[in-house]
PDB file of all heavy atoms in Angstrom:
ATOM      1  N   LEU A   1       0.747  -1.167   0.000  1.00  0.00           N
ATOM      2  CA  LEU A   1      -0.001   0.051   0.009  1.00  0.00           C
ATOM      3  C   LEU A   1       0.838   1.257  -0.060  1.00  0.00           C
ATOM      4  O   LEU A   1       0.424   2.291  -0.643  1.00  0.00           O
ATOM      5  CB  LEU A   1      -0.931   0.037   1.195  1.00  0.00           C
ATOM      6  CG  LEU A   1      -2.250  -0.717   1.052  1.00  0.00           C
ATOM      7  CD1 LEU A   1      -3.048  -0.705   2.370  1.00  0.00           C
ATOM      8  CD2 LEU A   1      -3.163  -0.161  -0.006  1.00  0.00           C
ATOM      9  N   ASP A   2       1.975   1.264   0.751  1.00  0.00           N
ATOM     10  CA  ASP A   2       2.721   2.495   0.812  1.00  0.00           C
ATOM     11  C   ASP A   2       3.964   2.563  -0.090  1.00  0.00           C
ATOM     12  O   ASP A   2       4.805   3.417   0.061  1.00  0.00           O
ATOM     13  CB  ASP A   2       3.114   2.675   2.297  1.00  0.00           C
ATOM     14  CG  ASP A   2       1.902   2.855   3.186  1.00  0.00           C
ATOM     15  OD1 ASP A   2       1.144   3.834   2.806  1.00  0.00           O
ATOM     16  OD2 ASP A   2       1.757   2.200   4.215  1.00  0.00           O
ATOM     17  N   ALA A   3       3.913   1.637  -1.140  1.00  0.00           N
ATOM     18  CA  ALA A   3       4.987   1.631  -2.077  1.00  0.00           C
ATOM     19  C   ALA A   3       4.666   2.767  -3.064  1.00  0.00           C
ATOM     20  O   ALA A   3       3.498   3.042  -3.431  1.00  0.00           O
ATOM     21  CB  ALA A   3       5.120   0.330  -2.766  1.00  0.00           C
ATOM     22  N   PRO A   4       5.741   3.427  -3.641  1.00  0.00           N
ATOM     23  CA  PRO A   4       5.462   4.354  -4.711  1.00  0.00           C
ATOM     24  C   PRO A   4       4.864   3.721  -6.007  1.00  0.00           C
ATOM     25  O   PRO A   4       5.196   2.605  -6.296  1.00  0.00           O
ATOM     26  CB  PRO A   4       6.840   4.978  -5.070  1.00  0.00           C
ATOM     27  CG  PRO A   4       7.793   3.914  -4.522  1.00  0.00           C
ATOM     28  CD  PRO A   4       7.172   3.298  -3.329  1.00  0.00           C
ATOM     29  N   ILE A   5       3.934   4.393  -6.637  1.00  0.00           N
ATOM     30  CA  ILE A   5       3.308   3.710  -7.809  1.00  0.00           C
ATOM     31  C   ILE A   5       4.185   3.247  -8.920  1.00  0.00           C
ATOM     32  O   ILE A   5       3.909   2.375  -9.641  1.00  0.00           O
ATOM     33  CB  ILE A   5       2.166   4.606  -8.218  1.00  0.00           C
ATOM     34  CG1 ILE A   5       1.173   3.968  -9.205  1.00  0.00           C
ATOM     35  CG2 ILE A   5       2.823   5.933  -8.958  1.00  0.00           C
ATOM     36  CD1 ILE A   5       0.404   2.916  -8.484  1.00  0.00           C
ATOM     37  N   GLN A   6       5.402   3.932  -9.024  1.00  0.00           N
ATOM     38  CA  GLN A   6       6.383   3.569 -10.029  1.00  0.00           C
ATOM     39  C   GLN A   6       6.935   2.125  -9.882  1.00  0.00           C
ATOM     40  O   GLN A   6       7.408   1.634 -10.887  1.00  0.00           O
ATOM     41  CB  GLN A   6       7.520   4.573 -10.039  1.00  0.00           C
ATOM     42  CG  GLN A   6       7.208   6.001 -10.598  1.00  0.00           C
ATOM     43  CD  GLN A   6       6.580   6.910  -9.548  1.00  0.00           C
ATOM     44  OE1 GLN A   6       6.437   6.459  -8.341  1.00  0.00           O
ATOM     45  NE2 GLN A   6       6.167   8.077  -9.874  1.00  0.00           N
ATOM     46  N   ARG A   7       6.838   1.653  -8.708  1.00  0.00           N
ATOM     47  CA  ARG A   7       7.194   0.229  -8.503  1.00  0.00           C
ATOM     48  C   ARG A   7       6.483  -0.752  -9.357  1.00  0.00           C
ATOM     49  O   ARG A   7       6.985  -1.768  -9.887  1.00  0.00           O
ATOM     50  CB  ARG A   7       7.098  -0.209  -7.087  1.00  0.00           C
ATOM     51  CG  ARG A   7       7.429  -1.666  -6.789  1.00  0.00           C
ATOM     52  CD  ARG A   7       7.221  -2.166  -5.407  1.00  0.00           C
ATOM     53  NE  ARG A   7       8.005  -1.330  -4.434  1.00  0.00           N
ATOM     54  CZ  ARG A   7       7.990  -1.568  -3.191  1.00  0.00           C
ATOM     55  NH1 ARG A   7       7.204  -2.560  -2.623  1.00  0.00           N
ATOM     56  NH2 ARG A   7       8.777  -0.843  -2.292  1.00  0.00           N
ATOM     57  N   TYR A   8       5.143  -0.411  -9.658  1.00  0.00           N
ATOM     58  CA  TYR A   8       4.275  -1.196 -10.376  1.00  0.00           C
ATOM     59  C   TYR A   8       3.976  -0.591 -11.832  1.00  0.00           C
ATOM     60  O   TYR A   8       3.538  -1.346 -12.704  1.00  0.00           O
ATOM     61  CB  TYR A   8       2.915  -1.401  -9.681  1.00  0.00           C
ATOM     62  CG  TYR A   8       3.143  -1.864  -8.246  1.00  0.00           C
ATOM     63  CD1 TYR A   8       3.042  -0.868  -7.172  1.00  0.00           C
ATOM     64  CD2 TYR A   8       3.595  -3.154  -7.915  1.00  0.00           C
ATOM     65  CE1 TYR A   8       3.306  -1.315  -5.842  1.00  0.00           C
ATOM     66  CE2 TYR A   8       3.818  -3.512  -6.597  1.00  0.00           C
ATOM     67  CZ  TYR A   8       3.636  -2.653  -5.548  1.00  0.00           C
ATOM     68  OH  TYR A   8       3.903  -2.979  -4.322  1.00  0.00           O
ATOM     69  N   VAL A   9       4.095   0.692 -11.955  1.00  0.00           N
ATOM     70  CA  VAL A   9       3.905   1.390 -13.165  1.00  0.00           C
ATOM     71  C   VAL A   9       5.094   2.241 -13.544  1.00  0.00           C
ATOM     72  O   VAL A   9       5.086   3.471 -13.296  1.00  0.00           O
ATOM     73  CB  VAL A   9       2.618   2.260 -13.157  1.00  0.00           C
ATOM     74  CG1 VAL A   9       2.217   2.735 -14.491  1.00  0.00           C
ATOM     75  CG2 VAL A   9       1.402   1.413 -12.526  1.00  0.00           C
ATOM     76  N   PRO A  10       6.160   1.593 -13.982  1.00  0.00           N
ATOM     77  CA  PRO A  10       7.413   2.387 -14.167  1.00  0.00           C
ATOM     78  C   PRO A  10       7.285   3.439 -15.272  1.00  0.00           C
ATOM     79  O   PRO A  10       8.152   4.357 -15.311  1.00  0.00           O
ATOM     80  CB  PRO A  10       8.530   1.271 -14.508  1.00  0.00           C
ATOM     81  CG  PRO A  10       7.597   0.130 -14.968  1.00  0.00           C
ATOM     82  CD  PRO A  10       6.370   0.180 -14.125  1.00  0.00           C
ATOM     83  N   SER A  11       6.266   3.318 -16.093  1.00  0.00           N
ATOM     84  CA  SER A  11       6.145   4.368 -17.212  1.00  0.00           C
ATOM     85  C   SER A  11       5.596   5.683 -16.622  1.00  0.00           C
ATOM     86  O   SER A  11       5.591   6.688 -17.366  1.00  0.00           O
ATOM     87  CB  SER A  11       5.198   3.824 -18.324  1.00  0.00           C
ATOM     88  OG  SER A  11       3.867   3.577 -17.750  1.00  0.00           O
ATOM     89  N   PHE A  12       5.059   5.633 -15.352  1.00  0.00           N
ATOM     90  CA  PHE A  12       4.605   6.904 -14.840  1.00  0.00           C
ATOM     91  C   PHE A  12       5.838   7.651 -14.204  1.00  0.00           C
ATOM     92  O   PHE A  12       6.545   7.089 -13.321  1.00  0.00           O
ATOM     93  CB  PHE A  12       3.608   6.656 -13.696  1.00  0.00           C
ATOM     94  CG  PHE A  12       2.938   7.868 -13.154  1.00  0.00           C
ATOM     95  CD1 PHE A  12       2.180   8.605 -13.960  1.00  0.00           C
ATOM     96  CD2 PHE A  12       3.139   8.244 -11.782  1.00  0.00           C
ATOM     97  CE1 PHE A  12       1.522   9.860 -13.390  1.00  0.00           C
ATOM     98  CE2 PHE A  12       2.530   9.378 -11.189  1.00  0.00           C
ATOM     99  CZ  PHE A  12       1.720  10.128 -12.094  1.00  0.00           C
ATOM    100  N   PRO A  13       6.132   8.831 -14.672  1.00  0.00           N
ATOM    101  CA  PRO A  13       7.309   9.550 -14.289  1.00  0.00           C
ATOM    102  C   PRO A  13       7.380   9.892 -12.821  1.00  0.00           C
ATOM    103  O   PRO A  13       6.407  10.073 -12.132  1.00  0.00           O
ATOM    104  CB  PRO A  13       7.326  10.806 -15.100  1.00  0.00           C
ATOM    105  CG  PRO A  13       6.365  10.583 -16.240  1.00  0.00           C
ATOM    106  CD  PRO A  13       5.311   9.673 -15.660  1.00  0.00           C
ATOM    107  N   GLU A  14       8.618   9.897 -12.252  1.00  0.00           N
ATOM    108  CA  GLU A  14       8.828  10.389 -10.894  1.00  0.00           C
ATOM    109  C   GLU A  14       8.355  11.864 -10.757  1.00  0.00           C
ATOM    110  O   GLU A  14       8.496  12.548 -11.675  1.00  0.00           O
ATOM    111  CB  GLU A  14      10.263  10.332 -10.516  1.00  0.00           C
ATOM    112  CG  GLU A  14      10.919   8.970 -10.524  1.00  0.00           C
ATOM    113  CD  GLU A  14      10.524   8.152  -9.266  1.00  0.00           C
ATOM    114  OE1 GLU A  14      10.054   8.789  -8.363  1.00  0.00           O
ATOM    115  OE2 GLU A  14      10.714   6.929  -9.338  1.00  0.00           O
ATOM    116  N   LYS A  15       7.744  12.189  -9.633  1.00  0.00           N
ATOM    117  CA  LYS A  15       7.209  13.538  -9.299  1.00  0.00           C
ATOM    118  C   LYS A  15       8.068  14.104  -8.186  1.00  0.00           C
ATOM    119  O   LYS A  15       8.916  13.376  -7.531  1.00  0.00           O
ATOM    120  CB  LYS A  15       5.737  13.485  -8.943  1.00  0.00           C
ATOM    121  CG  LYS A  15       4.898  12.819 -10.115  1.00  0.00           C
ATOM    122  CD  LYS A  15       4.943  13.600 -11.408  1.00  0.00           C
ATOM    123  CE  LYS A  15       4.063  12.974 -12.487  1.00  0.00           C
ATOM    124  NZ  LYS A  15       4.108  13.742 -13.694  1.00  0.00           N
ATOM    125  N   PRO A  16       7.821  15.360  -7.852  1.00  0.00           N
ATOM    126  CA  PRO A  16       8.633  15.942  -6.676  1.00  0.00           C
ATOM    127  C   PRO A  16       8.429  15.193  -5.379  1.00  0.00           C
ATOM    128  O   PRO A  16       9.382  15.294  -4.503  1.00  0.00           O
ATOM    129  CB  PRO A  16       8.133  17.352  -6.596  1.00  0.00           C
ATOM    130  CG  PRO A  16       7.642  17.661  -8.006  1.00  0.00           C
ATOM    131  CD  PRO A  16       7.072  16.370  -8.529  1.00  0.00           C
ATOM    132  N   TRP A  17       7.321  14.541  -5.203  1.00  0.00           N
ATOM    133  CA  TRP A  17       7.042  13.715  -4.032  1.00  0.00           C
ATOM    134  C   TRP A  17       6.679  12.296  -4.455  1.00  0.00           C
ATOM    135  O   TRP A  17       6.059  12.097  -5.502  1.00  0.00           O
ATOM    136  CB  TRP A  17       5.892  14.327  -3.193  1.00  0.00           C
ATOM    137  CG  TRP A  17       6.052  15.826  -2.969  1.00  0.00           C
ATOM    138  CD1 TRP A  17       6.913  16.375  -1.984  1.00  0.00           C
ATOM    139  CD2 TRP A  17       5.476  16.884  -3.666  1.00  0.00           C
ATOM    140  NE1 TRP A  17       6.699  17.730  -2.023  1.00  0.00           N
ATOM    141  CE2 TRP A  17       5.875  18.068  -3.047  1.00  0.00           C
ATOM    142  CE3 TRP A  17       4.562  16.979  -4.745  1.00  0.00           C
ATOM    143  CZ2 TRP A  17       5.519  19.392  -3.457  1.00  0.00           C
ATOM    144  CZ3 TRP A  17       4.091  18.178  -5.158  1.00  0.00           C
ATOM    145  CH2 TRP A  17       4.614  19.423  -4.539  1.00  0.00           C
ATOM    146  N   PRO A  18       6.801  11.303  -3.595  1.00  0.00           N
ATOM    147  CA  PRO A  18       6.304   9.989  -3.906  1.00  0.00           C
ATOM    148  C   PRO A  18       4.787   9.999  -3.928  1.00  0.00           C
ATOM    149  O   PRO A  18       4.127  10.691  -3.177  1.00  0.00           O
ATOM    150  CB  PRO A  18       6.821   9.171  -2.713  1.00  0.00           C
ATOM    151  CG  PRO A  18       7.920   9.995  -2.070  1.00  0.00           C
ATOM    152  CD  PRO A  18       7.580  11.434  -2.323  1.00  0.00           C
ATOM    153  N   VAL A  19       4.247   9.170  -4.881  1.00  0.00           N
ATOM    154  CA  VAL A  19       2.799   8.980  -4.921  1.00  0.00           C
ATOM    155  C   VAL A  19       2.546   7.485  -4.624  1.00  0.00           C
ATOM    156  O   VAL A  19       3.085   6.587  -5.344  1.00  0.00           O
ATOM    157  CB  VAL A  19       2.215   9.305  -6.317  1.00  0.00           C
ATOM    158  CG1 VAL A  19       0.759   9.107  -6.403  1.00  0.00           C
ATOM    159  CG2 VAL A  19       2.498  10.774  -6.634  1.00  0.00           C
ATOM    160  N   THR A  20       1.805   7.196  -3.581  1.00  0.00           N
ATOM    161  CA  THR A  20       1.677   5.756  -3.144  1.00  0.00           C
ATOM    162  C   THR A  20       0.338   5.142  -3.665  1.00  0.00           C
ATOM    163  O   THR A  20      -0.601   5.893  -3.976  1.00  0.00           O
ATOM    164  CB  THR A  20       1.725   5.666  -1.648  1.00  0.00           C
ATOM    165  OG1 THR A  20       0.626   6.276  -0.979  1.00  0.00           O
ATOM    166  CG2 THR A  20       3.076   6.308  -1.130  1.00  0.00           C
ATOM    167  N   VAL A  21       0.307   3.873  -3.527  1.00  0.00           N
ATOM    168  CA  VAL A  21      -0.911   3.148  -3.871  1.00  0.00           C
ATOM    169  C   VAL A  21      -2.027   3.557  -2.946  1.00  0.00           C
ATOM    170  O   VAL A  21      -3.195   3.809  -3.348  1.00  0.00           O
ATOM    171  CB  VAL A  21      -0.672   1.635  -3.804  1.00  0.00           C
ATOM    172  CG1 VAL A  21      -1.972   0.837  -3.970  1.00  0.00           C
ATOM    173  CG2 VAL A  21       0.351   1.113  -4.824  1.00  0.00           C
ATOM    174  N   ARG A  22      -1.694   3.631  -1.668  1.00  0.00           N
ATOM    175  CA  ARG A  22      -2.762   4.039  -0.585  1.00  0.00           C
ATOM    176  C   ARG A  22      -3.352   5.358  -0.957  1.00  0.00           C
ATOM    177  O   ARG A  22      -4.581   5.584  -0.897  1.00  0.00           O
ATOM    178  CB  ARG A  22      -2.022   4.018   0.771  1.00  0.00           C
ATOM    179  CG  ARG A  22      -3.022   4.420   1.889  1.00  0.00           C
ATOM    180  CD  ARG A  22      -2.292   4.693   3.147  1.00  0.00           C
ATOM    181  NE  ARG A  22      -1.471   3.622   3.605  1.00  0.00           N
ATOM    182  CZ  ARG A  22      -1.907   2.606   4.386  1.00  0.00           C
ATOM    183  NH1 ARG A  22      -3.163   2.557   4.816  1.00  0.00           N
ATOM    184  NH2 ARG A  22      -1.085   1.650   4.772  1.00  0.00           N
ATOM    185  N   GLN A  23      -2.541   6.339  -1.315  1.00  0.00           N
ATOM    186  CA  GLN A  23      -3.004   7.711  -1.617  1.00  0.00           C
ATOM    187  C   GLN A  23      -3.851   7.706  -2.881  1.00  0.00           C
ATOM    188  O   GLN A  23      -4.964   8.354  -2.862  1.00  0.00           O
ATOM    189  CB  GLN A  23      -1.775   8.640  -1.806  1.00  0.00           C
ATOM    190  CG  GLN A  23      -1.026   8.882  -0.545  1.00  0.00           C
ATOM    191  CD  GLN A  23       0.325   9.458  -0.722  1.00  0.00           C
ATOM    192  OE1 GLN A  23       0.896   9.401  -1.844  1.00  0.00           O
ATOM    193  NE2 GLN A  23       0.850  10.112   0.277  1.00  0.00           N
ATOM    194  N   LEU A  24      -3.535   6.942  -3.856  1.00  0.00           N
ATOM    195  CA  LEU A  24      -4.297   6.832  -5.062  1.00  0.00           C
ATOM    196  C   LEU A  24      -5.701   6.201  -4.822  1.00  0.00           C
ATOM    197  O   LEU A  24      -6.693   6.572  -5.400  1.00  0.00           O
ATOM    198  CB  LEU A  24      -3.620   6.052  -6.182  1.00  0.00           C
ATOM    199  CG  LEU A  24      -2.385   6.779  -6.809  1.00  0.00           C
ATOM    200  CD1 LEU A  24      -1.662   5.933  -7.756  1.00  0.00           C
ATOM    201  CD2 LEU A  24      -2.773   8.050  -7.493  1.00  0.00           C
TER     202      LEU A  24
END
């Protein structure tokens, strides 16, 4: 849940802050 989304969707670019599964 608290992993950055890029771990599973590497095509989504890094942002200034991590975006997690839980947050989405």
